[in-house]
Amino acid sequence: MMDIVFIMLIFFIVTTSFIKETGIDPNRPEAETAKRAELGNILIAVAPNDRIWMNKAPIELEAVKIMMELAHAENPESSVVIVADELASTGLVLDIMDQIRLSGISKISLSAKEK
């Protein structure tokens, strides 16, 4: 009996979907055209003070391209979701998108709340 419970426990641990986190919880802008989509496998957050976060740690803009190149080499089908605060600089978000594209990743989404 105990072995069945142990096997079931292992099954649920392995099949559980883990939530990916960026390290901050930005106040995303609202958009009428926002649609619920499957999350990409890479999340980048931009705080209201224009700090960039990835894997729960702040990073510099120059590091975005390097980290994306590593992710792209590991998984050529990588996709990125940018979770930017509504007070974050639009120019910085565009710079981040440029760095991601330069790394070879073309699947980029911006996160927004539904109105």
PDB file of N, CA and C in Angstrom:
ATOM      1  N   MET A   1       0.820  -1.195   0.000  1.00  0.00           N
ATOM      2  CA  MET A   1       0.000   0.000   0.000  1.00  0.00           C
ATOM      3  C   MET A   1       0.870   1.268   0.000  1.00  0.00           C
ATOM      4  N   MET A   2       1.917   1.249   0.804  1.00  0.00           N
ATOM      5  CA  MET A   2       2.788   2.410   0.901  1.00  0.00           C
ATOM      6  C   MET A   2       3.512   2.679  -0.417  1.00  0.00           C
ATOM      7  N   ASP A   3       3.867   1.628  -1.142  1.00  0.00           N
ATOM      8  CA  ASP A   3       4.563   1.818  -2.413  1.00  0.00           C
ATOM      9  C   ASP A   3       3.665   2.488  -3.441  1.00  0.00           C
ATOM     10  N   ILE A   4       2.365   2.220  -3.418  1.00  0.00           N
ATOM     11  CA  ILE A   4       1.427   2.865  -4.346  1.00  0.00           C
ATOM     12  C   ILE A   4       1.333   4.354  -4.028  1.00  0.00           C
ATOM     13  N   VAL A   5       1.235   4.686  -2.764  1.00  0.00           N
ATOM     14  CA  VAL A   5       1.179   6.089  -2.356  1.00  0.00           C
ATOM     15  C   VAL A   5       2.465   6.805  -2.766  1.00  0.00           C
ATOM     16  N   PHE A   6       3.594   6.168  -2.585  1.00  0.00           N
ATOM     17  CA  PHE A   6       4.882   6.750  -2.962  1.00  0.00           C
ATOM     18  C   PHE A   6       4.954   6.979  -4.470  1.00  0.00           C
ATOM     19  N   ILE A   7       4.501   6.013  -5.255  1.00  0.00           N
ATOM     20  CA  ILE A   7       4.504   6.151  -6.720  1.00  0.00           C
ATOM     21  C   ILE A   7       3.577   7.281  -7.145  1.00  0.00           C
ATOM     22  N   MET A   8       2.405   7.377  -6.515  1.00  0.00           N
ATOM     23  CA  MET A   8       1.477   8.464  -6.850  1.00  0.00           C
ATOM     24  C   MET A   8       2.079   9.821  -6.496  1.00  0.00           C
ATOM     25  N   LEU A   9       2.765   9.889  -5.370  1.00  0.00           N
ATOM     26  CA  LEU A   9       3.415  11.128  -4.968  1.00  0.00           C
ATOM     27  C   LEU A   9       4.462  11.547  -5.997  1.00  0.00           C
ATOM     28  N   ILE A  10       5.272  10.622  -6.430  1.00  0.00           N
ATOM     29  CA  ILE A  10       6.282  10.909  -7.460  1.00  0.00           C
ATOM     30  C   ILE A  10       5.611  11.367  -8.750  1.00  0.00           C
ATOM     31  N   PHE A  11       4.529  10.703  -9.144  1.00  0.00           N
ATOM     32  CA  PHE A  11       3.804  11.068 -10.366  1.00  0.00           C
ATOM     33  C   PHE A  11       3.325  12.515 -10.292  1.00  0.00           C
ATOM     34  N   PHE A  12       2.700  12.897  -9.177  1.00  0.00           N
ATOM     35  CA  PHE A  12       2.176  14.256  -9.059  1.00  0.00           C
ATOM     36  C   PHE A  12       3.290  15.299  -8.988  1.00  0.00           C
ATOM     37  N   ILE A  13       4.385  14.969  -8.385  1.00  0.00           N
ATOM     38  CA  ILE A  13       5.513  15.903  -8.337  1.00  0.00           C
ATOM     39  C   ILE A  13       6.085  16.127  -9.733  1.00  0.00           C
ATOM     40  N   VAL A  14       6.218  15.069 -10.498  1.00  0.00           N
ATOM     41  CA  VAL A  14       6.798  15.165 -11.836  1.00  0.00           C
ATOM     42  C   VAL A  14       5.859  15.867 -12.806  1.00  0.00           C
ATOM     43  N   THR A  15       4.560  15.635 -12.700  1.00  0.00           N
ATOM     44  CA  THR A  15       3.619  16.188 -13.671  1.00  0.00           C
ATOM     45  C   THR A  15       3.078  17.552 -13.285  1.00  0.00           C
ATOM     46  N   THR A  16       3.400  18.039 -12.106  1.00  0.00           N
ATOM     47  CA  THR A  16       2.918  19.342 -11.673  1.00  0.00           C
ATOM     48  C   THR A  16       3.567  20.433 -12.511  1.00  0.00           C
ATOM     49  N   SER A  17       2.752  21.380 -12.936  1.00  0.00           N
ATOM     50  CA  SER A  17       3.260  22.518 -13.692  1.00  0.00           C
ATOM     51  C   SER A  17       3.760  23.564 -12.708  1.00  0.00           C
ATOM     52  N   PHE A  18       5.021  23.910 -12.816  1.00  0.00           N
ATOM     53  CA  PHE A  18       5.594  24.898 -11.920  1.00  0.00           C
ATOM     54  C   PHE A  18       5.398  26.292 -12.502  1.00  0.00           C
ATOM     55  N   ILE A  19       5.042  27.244 -11.653  1.00  0.00           N
ATOM     56  CA  ILE A  19       4.835  28.618 -12.083  1.00  0.00           C
ATOM     57  C   ILE A  19       6.185  29.295 -12.224  1.00  0.00           C
ATOM     58  N   LYS A  20       6.390  29.919 -13.375  1.00  0.00           N
ATOM     59  CA  LYS A  20       7.638  30.645 -13.597  1.00  0.00           C
ATOM     60  C   LYS A  20       7.481  32.040 -13.009  1.00  0.00           C
ATOM     61  N   GLU A  21       8.510  32.524 -12.398  1.00  0.00           N
ATOM     62  CA  GLU A  21       8.461  33.832 -11.780  1.00  0.00           C
ATOM     63  C   GLU A  21       9.609  34.693 -12.285  1.00  0.00           C
ATOM     64  N   THR A  22       9.345  35.997 -12.274  1.00  0.00           N
ATOM     65  CA  THR A  22      10.356  36.932 -12.744  1.00  0.00           C
ATOM     66  C   THR A  22      11.131  37.560 -11.607  1.00  0.00           C
ATOM     67  N   GLY A  23      10.581  37.565 -10.423  1.00  0.00           N
ATOM     68  CA  GLY A  23      11.238  38.185  -9.283  1.00  0.00           C
ATOM     69  C   GLY A  23      10.508  39.412  -8.783  1.00  0.00           C
ATOM     70  N   ILE A  24       9.630  39.977  -9.605  1.00  0.00           N
ATOM     71  CA  ILE A  24       8.812  41.116  -9.187  1.00  0.00           C
ATOM     72  C   ILE A  24       7.396  40.893  -9.694  1.00  0.00           C
ATOM     73  N   ASP A  25       6.460  41.693  -9.177  1.00  0.00           N
ATOM     74  CA  ASP A  25       5.073  41.614  -9.620  1.00  0.00           C
ATOM     75  C   ASP A  25       4.676  42.977 -10.169  1.00  0.00           C
ATOM     76  N   PRO A  26       4.993  43.242 -11.441  1.00  0.00           N
ATOM     77  CA  PRO A  26       4.714  44.562 -11.999  1.00  0.00           C
ATOM     78  C   PRO A  26       3.219  44.797 -12.195  1.00  0.00           C
ATOM     79  N   ASN A  27       2.822  46.055 -12.187  1.00  0.00           N
ATOM     80  CA  ASN A  27       1.449  46.449 -12.468  1.00  0.00           C
ATOM     81  C   ASN A  27       1.326  46.574 -13.983  1.00  0.00           C
ATOM     82  N   ARG A  28       0.851  45.507 -14.625  1.00  0.00           N
ATOM     83  CA  ARG A  28       0.801  45.473 -16.085  1.00  0.00           C
ATOM     84  C   ARG A  28      -0.260  46.435 -16.623  1.00  0.00           C
ATOM     85  N   PRO A  29      -0.031  47.009 -17.786  1.00  0.00           N
ATOM     86  CA  PRO A  29      -1.043  47.872 -18.391  1.00  0.00           C
ATOM     87  C   PRO A  29      -2.230  47.050 -18.869  1.00  0.00           C
ATOM     88  N   GLU A  30      -3.378  47.722 -19.018  1.00  0.00           N
ATOM     89  CA  GLU A  30      -4.572  47.055 -19.531  1.00  0.00           C
ATOM     90  C   GLU A  30      -4.671  47.284 -21.027  1.00  0.00           C
ATOM     91  N   ALA A  31      -5.254  46.307 -21.725  1.00  0.00           N
ATOM     92  CA  ALA A  31      -5.451  46.427 -23.168  1.00  0.00           C
ATOM     93  C   ALA A  31      -6.746  45.731 -23.548  1.00  0.00           C
ATOM     94  N   GLU A  32      -7.535  46.386 -24.397  1.00  0.00           N
ATOM     95  CA  GLU A  32      -8.790  45.778 -24.837  1.00  0.00           C
ATOM     96  C   GLU A  32      -8.542  44.553 -25.697  1.00  0.00           C
ATOM     97  N   THR A  33      -7.421  44.512 -26.369  1.00  0.00           N
ATOM     98  CA  THR A  33      -7.129  43.380 -27.255  1.00  0.00           C
ATOM     99  C   THR A  33      -6.311  42.294 -26.572  1.00  0.00           C
ATOM    100  N   ALA A  34      -6.079  42.438 -25.267  1.00  0.00           N
ATOM    101  CA  ALA A  34      -5.295  41.426 -24.551  1.00  0.00           C
ATOM    102  C   ALA A  34      -6.024  40.089 -24.567  1.00  0.00           C
ATOM    103  N   LYS A  35      -5.281  39.046 -24.847  1.00  0.00           N
ATOM    104  CA  LYS A  35      -5.836  37.694 -24.880  1.00  0.00           C
ATOM    105  C   LYS A  35      -5.008  36.818 -23.962  1.00  0.00           C
ATOM    106  N   ARG A  36      -5.676  35.857 -23.359  1.00  0.00           N
ATOM    107  CA  ARG A  36      -4.966  34.898 -22.522  1.00  0.00           C
ATOM    108  C   ARG A  36      -4.181  33.982 -23.453  1.00  0.00           C
ATOM    109  N   ALA A  37      -2.893  33.863 -23.211  1.00  0.00           N
ATOM    110  CA  ALA A  37      -2.034  33.038 -24.060  1.00  0.00           C
ATOM    111  C   ALA A  37      -1.171  32.148 -23.186  1.00  0.00           C
ATOM    112  N   GLU A  38      -0.679  31.090 -23.807  1.00  0.00           N
ATOM    113  CA  GLU A  38       0.238  30.214 -23.091  1.00  0.00           C
ATOM    114  C   GLU A  38       1.537  30.976 -22.865  1.00  0.00           C
ATOM    115  N   LEU A  39       2.041  30.890 -21.650  1.00  0.00           N
ATOM    116  CA  LEU A  39       3.265  31.610 -21.329  1.00  0.00           C
ATOM    117  C   LEU A  39       4.452  31.090 -22.122  1.00  0.00           C
ATOM    118  N   GLY A  40       5.350  32.004 -22.445  1.00  0.00           N
ATOM    119  CA  GLY A  40       6.590  31.586 -23.071  1.00  0.00           C
ATOM    120  C   GLY A  40       7.470  30.907 -22.040  1.00  0.00           C
ATOM    121  N   ASN A  41       8.534  30.326 -22.504  1.00  0.00           N
ATOM    122  CA  ASN A  41       9.394  29.624 -21.553  1.00  0.00           C
ATOM    123  C   ASN A  41      10.448  30.535 -20.935  1.00  0.00           C
ATOM    124  N   ILE A  42      10.489  31.804 -21.342  1.00  0.00           N
ATOM    125  CA  ILE A  42      11.406  32.771 -20.741  1.00  0.00           C
ATOM    126  C   ILE A  42      10.589  34.001 -20.355  1.00  0.00           C
ATOM    127  N   LEU A  43      10.699  34.416 -19.106  1.00  0.00           N
ATOM    128  CA  LEU A  43       9.994  35.605 -18.635  1.00  0.00           C
ATOM    129  C   LEU A  43      11.004  36.676 -18.258  1.00  0.00           C
ATOM    130  N   ILE A  44      10.747  37.889 -18.737  1.00  0.00           N
ATOM    131  CA  ILE A  44      11.573  39.043 -18.376  1.00  0.00           C
ATOM    132  C   ILE A  44      10.623  40.099 -17.838  1.00  0.00           C
ATOM    133  N   ALA A  45      10.925  40.645 -16.672  1.00  0.00           N
ATOM    134  CA  ALA A  45      10.082  41.679 -16.077  1.00  0.00           C
ATOM    135  C   ALA A  45      10.810  43.013 -16.097  1.00  0.00           C
ATOM    136  N   VAL A  46      10.022  44.085 -16.248  1.00  0.00           N
ATOM    137  CA  VAL A  46      10.575  45.437 -16.187  1.00  0.00           C
ATOM    138  C   VAL A  46       9.800  46.178 -15.097  1.00  0.00           C
ATOM    139  N   ALA A  47      10.508  46.616 -14.071  1.00  0.00           N
ATOM    140  CA  ALA A  47       9.905  47.302 -12.931  1.00  0.00           C
ATOM    141  C   ALA A  47       9.617  48.763 -13.282  1.00  0.00           C
ATOM    142  N   PRO A  48       8.798  49.433 -12.465  1.00  0.00           N
ATOM    143  CA  PRO A  48       8.503  50.847 -12.736  1.00  0.00           C
ATOM    144  C   PRO A  48       9.743  51.736 -12.711  1.00  0.00           C
ATOM    145  N   ASN A  49      10.780  51.316 -11.990  1.00  0.00           N
ATOM    146  CA  ASN A  49      12.021  52.100 -11.942  1.00  0.00           C
ATOM    147  C   ASN A  49      12.989  51.695 -13.063  1.00  0.00           C
ATOM    148  N   ASP A  50      12.469  50.969 -14.058  1.00  0.00           N
ATOM    149  CA  ASP A  50      13.221  50.519 -15.241  1.00  0.00           C
ATOM    150  C   ASP A  50      14.310  49.496 -14.928  1.00  0.00           C
ATOM    151  N   ARG A  51      14.179  48.780 -13.829  1.00  0.00           N
ATOM    152  CA  ARG A  51      15.085  47.655 -13.542  1.00  0.00           C
ATOM    153  C   ARG A  51      14.570  46.436 -14.288  1.00  0.00           C
ATOM    154  N   ILE A  52      15.476  45.680 -14.880  1.00  0.00           N
ATOM    155  CA  ILE A  52      15.126  44.465 -15.622  1.00  0.00           C
ATOM    156  C   ILE A  52      15.359  43.273 -14.700  1.00  0.00           C
ATOM    157  N   TRP A  53      14.386  42.367 -14.653  1.00  0.00           N
ATOM    158  CA  TRP A  53      14.471  41.186 -13.791  1.00  0.00           C
ATOM    159  C   TRP A  53      14.299  39.930 -14.615  1.00  0.00           C
ATOM    160  N   MET A  54      15.086  38.927 -14.272  1.00  0.00           N
ATOM    161  CA  MET A  54      14.970  37.618 -14.912  1.00  0.00           C
ATOM    162  C   MET A  54      15.441  36.574 -13.908  1.00  0.00           C
ATOM    163  N   ASN A  55      14.698  35.494 -13.769  1.00  0.00           N
ATOM    164  CA  ASN A  55      15.031  34.439 -12.797  1.00  0.00           C
ATOM    165  C   ASN A  55      15.193  34.995 -11.385  1.00  0.00           C
ATOM    166  N   LYS A  56      14.294  35.885 -11.009  1.00  0.00           N
ATOM    167  CA  LYS A  56      14.260  36.487  -9.664  1.00  0.00           C
ATOM    168  C   LYS A  56      15.497  37.303  -9.326  1.00  0.00           C
ATOM    169  N   ALA A  57      16.210  37.773 -10.330  1.00  0.00           N
ATOM    170  CA  ALA A  57      17.413  38.567 -10.090  1.00  0.00           C
ATOM    171  C   ALA A  57      17.456  39.738 -11.067  1.00  0.00           C
ATOM    172  N   PRO A  58      17.905  40.909 -10.606  1.00  0.00           N
ATOM    173  CA  PRO A  58      18.041  42.039 -11.522  1.00  0.00           C
ATOM    174  C   PRO A  58      19.206  41.807 -12.485  1.00  0.00           C
ATOM    175  N   ILE A  59      19.017  42.216 -13.727  1.00  0.00           N
ATOM    176  CA  ILE A  59      20.081  42.100 -14.729  1.00  0.00           C
ATOM    177  C   ILE A  59      20.194  43.420 -15.483  1.00  0.00           C
ATOM    178  N   GLU A  60      21.298  43.614 -16.130  1.00  0.00           N
ATOM    179  CA  GLU A  60      21.522  44.810 -16.941  1.00  0.00           C
ATOM    180  C   GLU A  60      21.055  44.550 -18.367  1.00  0.00           C
ATOM    181  N   LEU A  61      20.758  45.612 -19.097  1.00  0.00           N
ATOM    182  CA  LEU A  61      20.312  45.488 -20.486  1.00  0.00           C
ATOM    183  C   LEU A  61      21.333  44.730 -21.327  1.00  0.00           C
ATOM    184  N   GLU A  62      22.618  44.982 -21.084  1.00  0.00           N
ATOM    185  CA  GLU A  62      23.670  44.329 -21.861  1.00  0.00           C
ATOM    186  C   GLU A  62      23.677  42.813 -21.659  1.00  0.00           C
ATOM    187  N   ALA A  63      23.166  42.344 -20.532  1.00  0.00           N
ATOM    188  CA  ALA A  63      23.153  40.906 -20.240  1.00  0.00           C
ATOM    189  C   ALA A  63      21.974  40.189 -20.892  1.00  0.00           C
ATOM    190  N   VAL A  64      20.973  40.945 -21.330  1.00  0.00           N
ATOM    191  CA  VAL A  64      19.778  40.321 -21.921  1.00  0.00           C
ATOM    192  C   VAL A  64      20.153  39.502 -23.148  1.00  0.00           C
ATOM    193  N   LYS A  65      20.928  40.079 -24.062  1.00  0.00           N
ATOM    194  CA  LYS A  65      21.294  39.371 -25.289  1.00  0.00           C
ATOM    195  C   LYS A  65      22.075  38.096 -24.981  1.00  0.00           C
ATOM    196  N   ILE A  66      23.012  38.170 -24.063  1.00  0.00           N
ATOM    197  CA  ILE A  66      23.824  36.997 -23.717  1.00  0.00           C
ATOM    198  C   ILE A  66      22.952  35.894 -23.143  1.00  0.00           C
ATOM    199  N   MET A  67      22.059  36.266 -22.219  1.00  0.00           N
ATOM    200  CA  MET A  67      21.189  35.261 -21.602  1.00  0.00           C
ATOM    201  C   MET A  67      20.226  34.660 -22.621  1.00  0.00           C
ATOM    202  N   MET A  68      19.761  35.485 -23.562  1.00  0.00           N
ATOM    203  CA  MET A  68      18.847  34.980 -24.589  1.00  0.00           C
ATOM    204  C   MET A  68      19.578  34.071 -25.577  1.00  0.00           C
ATOM    205  N   GLU A  69      20.832  34.401 -25.891  1.00  0.00           N
ATOM    206  CA  GLU A  69      21.627  33.524 -26.768  1.00  0.00           C
ATOM    207  C   GLU A  69      21.818  32.152 -26.135  1.00  0.00           C
ATOM    208  N   LEU A  70      22.082  32.139 -24.827  1.00  0.00           N
ATOM    209  CA  LEU A  70      22.232  30.862 -24.119  1.00  0.00           C
ATOM    210  C   LEU A  70      20.920  30.076 -24.130  1.00  0.00           C
ATOM    211  N   ALA A  71      19.818  30.766 -23.892  1.00  0.00           N
ATOM    212  CA  ALA A  71      18.511  30.095 -23.895  1.00  0.00           C
ATOM    213  C   ALA A  71      18.170  29.579 -25.286  1.00  0.00           C
ATOM    214  N   HIS A  72      18.498  30.368 -26.314  1.00  0.00           N
ATOM    215  CA  HIS A  72      18.213  29.965 -27.696  1.00  0.00           C
ATOM    216  C   HIS A  72      19.068  28.768 -28.104  1.00  0.00           C
ATOM    217  N   ALA A  73      20.314  28.733 -27.642  1.00  0.00           N
ATOM    218  CA  ALA A  73      21.183  27.589 -27.946  1.00  0.00           C
ATOM    219  C   ALA A  73      20.657  26.326 -27.268  1.00  0.00           C
ATOM    220  N   GLU A  74      20.104  26.502 -26.080  1.00  0.00           N
ATOM    221  CA  GLU A  74      19.551  25.370 -25.336  1.00  0.00           C
ATOM    222  C   GLU A  74      18.241  24.883 -25.943  1.00  0.00           C
ATOM    223  N   ASN A  75      17.408  25.835 -26.411  1.00  0.00           N
ATOM    224  CA  ASN A  75      16.117  25.503 -27.007  1.00  0.00           C
ATOM    225  C   ASN A  75      15.834  26.466 -28.155  1.00  0.00           C
ATOM    226  N   PRO A  76      16.047  26.043 -29.408  1.00  0.00           N
ATOM    227  CA  PRO A  76      15.827  26.926 -30.554  1.00  0.00           C
ATOM    228  C   PRO A  76      14.378  27.399 -30.707  1.00  0.00           C
ATOM    229  N   GLU A  77      13.442  26.735 -30.046  1.00  0.00           N
ATOM    230  CA  GLU A  77      12.031  27.125 -30.107  1.00  0.00           C
ATOM    231  C   GLU A  77      11.651  28.053 -28.957  1.00  0.00           C
ATOM    232  N   SER A  78      12.626  28.644 -28.302  1.00  0.00           N
ATOM    233  CA  SER A  78      12.362  29.513 -27.153  1.00  0.00           C
ATOM    234  C   SER A  78      11.446  30.665 -27.525  1.00  0.00           C
ATOM    235  N   SER A  79      10.594  31.030 -26.571  1.00  0.00           N
ATOM    236  CA  SER A  79       9.759  32.216 -26.724  1.00  0.00           C
ATOM    237  C   SER A  79       9.883  33.037 -25.450  1.00  0.00           C
ATOM    238  N   VAL A  80       9.700  34.343 -25.584  1.00  0.00           N
ATOM    239  CA  VAL A  80       9.904  35.254 -24.463  1.00  0.00           C
ATOM    240  C   VAL A  80       8.629  36.048 -24.213  1.00  0.00           C
ATOM    241  N   VAL A  81       8.292  36.215 -22.941  1.00  0.00           N
ATOM    242  CA  VAL A  81       7.204  37.099 -22.540  1.00  0.00           C
ATOM    243  C   VAL A  81       7.820  38.213 -21.702  1.00  0.00           C
ATOM    244  N   ILE A  82       7.586  39.450 -22.130  1.00  0.00           N
ATOM    245  CA  ILE A  82       8.059  40.609 -21.379  1.00  0.00           C
ATOM    246  C   ILE A  82       6.897  41.101 -20.526  1.00  0.00           C
ATOM    247  N   VAL A  83       7.102  41.106 -19.223  1.00  0.00           N
ATOM    248  CA  VAL A  83       6.090  41.552 -18.269  1.00  0.00           C
ATOM    249  C   VAL A  83       6.557  42.910 -17.755  1.00  0.00           C
ATOM    250  N   ALA A  84       6.092  43.975 -18.417  1.00  0.00           N
ATOM    251  CA  ALA A  84       6.554  45.320 -18.078  1.00  0.00           C
ATOM    252  C   ALA A  84       5.494  46.062 -17.278  1.00  0.00           C
ATOM    253  N   ASP A  85       5.929  46.785 -16.265  1.00  0.00           N
ATOM    254  CA  ASP A  85       5.037  47.641 -15.499  1.00  0.00           C
ATOM    255  C   ASP A  85       4.556  48.758 -16.409  1.00  0.00           C
ATOM    256  N   GLU A  86       3.331  49.247 -16.160  1.00  0.00           N
ATOM    257  CA  GLU A  86       2.801  50.298 -17.025  1.00  0.00           C
ATOM    258  C   GLU A  86       3.581  51.602 -16.900  1.00  0.00           C
ATOM    259  N   LEU A  87       4.365  51.759 -15.841  1.00  0.00           N
ATOM    260  CA  LEU A  87       5.192  52.955 -15.672  1.00  0.00           C
ATOM    261  C   LEU A  87       6.605  52.776 -16.226  1.00  0.00           C
ATOM    262  N   ALA A  88       6.921  51.594 -16.720  1.00  0.00           N
ATOM    263  CA  ALA A  88       8.250  51.335 -17.281  1.00  0.00           C
ATOM    264  C   ALA A  88       8.425  52.111 -18.581  1.00  0.00           C
ATOM    265  N   SER A  89       9.647  52.471 -18.859  1.00  0.00           N
ATOM    266  CA  SER A  89       9.980  53.236 -20.058  1.00  0.00           C
ATOM    267  C   SER A  89       9.749  52.410 -21.325  1.00  0.00           C
ATOM    268  N   THR A  90       8.992  52.978 -22.255  1.00  0.00           N
ATOM    269  CA  THR A  90       8.731  52.296 -23.522  1.00  0.00           C
ATOM    270  C   THR A  90      10.033  52.067 -24.282  1.00  0.00           C
ATOM    271  N   GLY A  91      10.924  53.030 -24.216  1.00  0.00           N
ATOM    272  CA  GLY A  91      12.213  52.889 -24.892  1.00  0.00           C
ATOM    273  C   GLY A  91      13.009  51.709 -24.369  1.00  0.00           C
ATOM    274  N   LEU A  92      12.969  51.493 -23.056  1.00  0.00           N
ATOM    275  CA  LEU A  92      13.686  50.360 -22.475  1.00  0.00           C
ATOM    276  C   LEU A  92      13.073  49.046 -22.938  1.00  0.00           C
ATOM    277  N   VAL A  93      11.745  48.984 -22.973  1.00  0.00           N
ATOM    278  CA  VAL A  93      11.079  47.757 -23.440  1.00  0.00           C
ATOM    279  C   VAL A  93      11.472  47.470 -24.888  1.00  0.00           C
ATOM    280  N   LEU A  94      11.539  48.508 -25.717  1.00  0.00           N
ATOM    281  CA  LEU A  94      11.961  48.322 -27.114  1.00  0.00           C
ATOM    282  C   LEU A  94      13.419  47.879 -27.196  1.00  0.00           C
ATOM    283  N   ASP A  95      14.271  48.432 -26.336  1.00  0.00           N
ATOM    284  CA  ASP A  95      15.677  48.003 -26.300  1.00  0.00           C
ATOM    285  C   ASP A  95      15.788  46.531 -25.918  1.00  0.00           C
ATOM    286  N   ILE A  96      14.973  46.102 -24.957  1.00  0.00           N
ATOM    287  CA  ILE A  96      14.972  44.693 -24.551  1.00  0.00           C
ATOM    288  C   ILE A  96      14.528  43.819 -25.717  1.00  0.00           C
ATOM    289  N   MET A  97      13.480  44.244 -26.418  1.00  0.00           N
ATOM    290  CA  MET A  97      13.000  43.476 -27.577  1.00  0.00           C
ATOM    291  C   MET A  97      14.084  43.376 -28.644  1.00  0.00           C
ATOM    292  N   ASP A  98      14.820  44.460 -28.870  1.00  0.00           N
ATOM    293  CA  ASP A  98      15.918  44.434 -29.847  1.00  0.00           C
ATOM    294  C   ASP A  98      16.991  43.426 -29.440  1.00  0.00           C
ATOM    295  N   GLN A  99      17.357  43.428 -28.162  1.00  0.00           N
ATOM    296  CA  GLN A  99      18.377  42.491 -27.682  1.00  0.00           C
ATOM    297  C   GLN A  99      17.916  41.038 -27.852  1.00  0.00           C
ATOM    298  N   ILE A 100      16.631  40.806 -27.603  1.00  0.00           N
ATOM    299  CA  ILE A 100      16.087  39.450 -27.762  1.00  0.00           C
ATOM    300  C   ILE A 100      16.149  39.032 -29.227  1.00  0.00           C
ATOM    301  N   ARG A 101      15.736  39.921 -30.121  1.00  0.00           N
ATOM    302  CA  ARG A 101      15.771  39.599 -31.557  1.00  0.00           C
ATOM    303  C   ARG A 101      17.201  39.382 -32.046  1.00  0.00           C
ATOM    304  N   LEU A 102      18.142  40.186 -31.562  1.00  0.00           N
ATOM    305  CA  LEU A 102      19.544  40.020 -31.958  1.00  0.00           C
ATOM    306  C   LEU A 102      20.110  38.675 -31.510  1.00  0.00           C
ATOM    307  N   SER A 103      19.514  38.096 -30.479  1.00  0.00           N
ATOM    308  CA  SER A 103      19.983  36.788 -29.993  1.00  0.00           C
ATOM    309  C   SER A 103      19.463  35.639 -30.845  1.00  0.00           C
ATOM    310  N   GLY A 104      18.523  35.938 -31.757  1.00  0.00           N
ATOM    311  CA  GLY A 104      17.986  34.897 -32.628  1.00  0.00           C
ATOM    312  C   GLY A 104      16.589  34.434 -32.256  1.00  0.00           C
ATOM    313  N   ILE A 105      16.034  34.957 -31.177  1.00  0.00           N
ATOM    314  CA  ILE A 105      14.673  34.587 -30.768  1.00  0.00           C
ATOM    315  C   ILE A 105      13.700  35.571 -31.401  1.00  0.00           C
ATOM    316  N   SER A 106      12.709  35.044 -32.108  1.00  0.00           N
ATOM    317  CA  SER A 106      11.751  35.921 -32.778  1.00  0.00           C
ATOM    318  C   SER A 106      10.363  35.896 -32.136  1.00  0.00           C
ATOM    319  N   LYS A 107      10.113  34.930 -31.275  1.00  0.00           N
ATOM    320  CA  LYS A 107       8.798  34.834 -30.623  1.00  0.00           C
ATOM    321  C   LYS A 107       8.824  35.654 -29.336  1.00  0.00           C
ATOM    322  N   ILE A 108       8.298  36.885 -29.423  1.00  0.00           N
ATOM    323  CA  ILE A 108       8.298  37.796 -28.282  1.00  0.00           C
ATOM    324  C   ILE A 108       6.874  38.285 -28.056  1.00  0.00           C
ATOM    325  N   SER A 109       6.426  38.248 -26.811  1.00  0.00           N
ATOM    326  CA  SER A 109       5.098  38.739 -26.453  1.00  0.00           C
ATOM    327  C   SER A 109       5.221  39.740 -25.319  1.00  0.00           C
ATOM    328  N   LEU A 110       4.257  40.667 -25.268  1.00  0.00           N
ATOM    329  CA  LEU A 110       4.159  41.605 -24.157  1.00  0.00           C
ATOM    330  C   LEU A 110       2.959  41.206 -23.316  1.00  0.00           C
ATOM    331  N   SER A 111       3.122  41.214 -22.024  1.00  0.00           N
ATOM    332  CA  SER A 111       2.047  40.827 -21.118  1.00  0.00           C
ATOM    333  C   SER A 111       1.203  42.042 -20.761  1.00  0.00           C
ATOM    334  N   ALA A 112      -0.127  41.871 -20.776  1.00  0.00           N
ATOM    335  CA  ALA A 112      -1.056  42.929 -20.387  1.00  0.00           C
ATOM    336  C   ALA A 112      -2.252  42.299 -19.693  1.00  0.00           C
ATOM    337  N   LYS A 113      -2.959  43.103 -18.901  1.00  0.00           N
ATOM    338  CA  LYS A 113      -4.179  42.643 -18.249  1.00  0.00           C
ATOM    339  C   LYS A 113      -5.349  42.868 -19.192  1.00  0.00           C
ATOM    340  N   GLU A 114      -6.333  41.982 -19.109  1.00  0.00           N
ATOM    341  CA  GLU A 114      -7.544  42.171 -19.897  1.00  0.00           C
ATOM    342  C   GLU A 114      -8.376  43.275 -19.262  1.00  0.00           C
ATOM    343  N   LYS A 115      -8.998  44.116 -20.096  1.00  0.00           N
ATOM    344  CA  LYS A 115      -9.887  45.171 -19.577  1.00  0.00           C
ATOM    345  C   LYS A 115     -11.222  44.585 -19.229  1.00  0.00           C
TER     346      LYS A 115
END
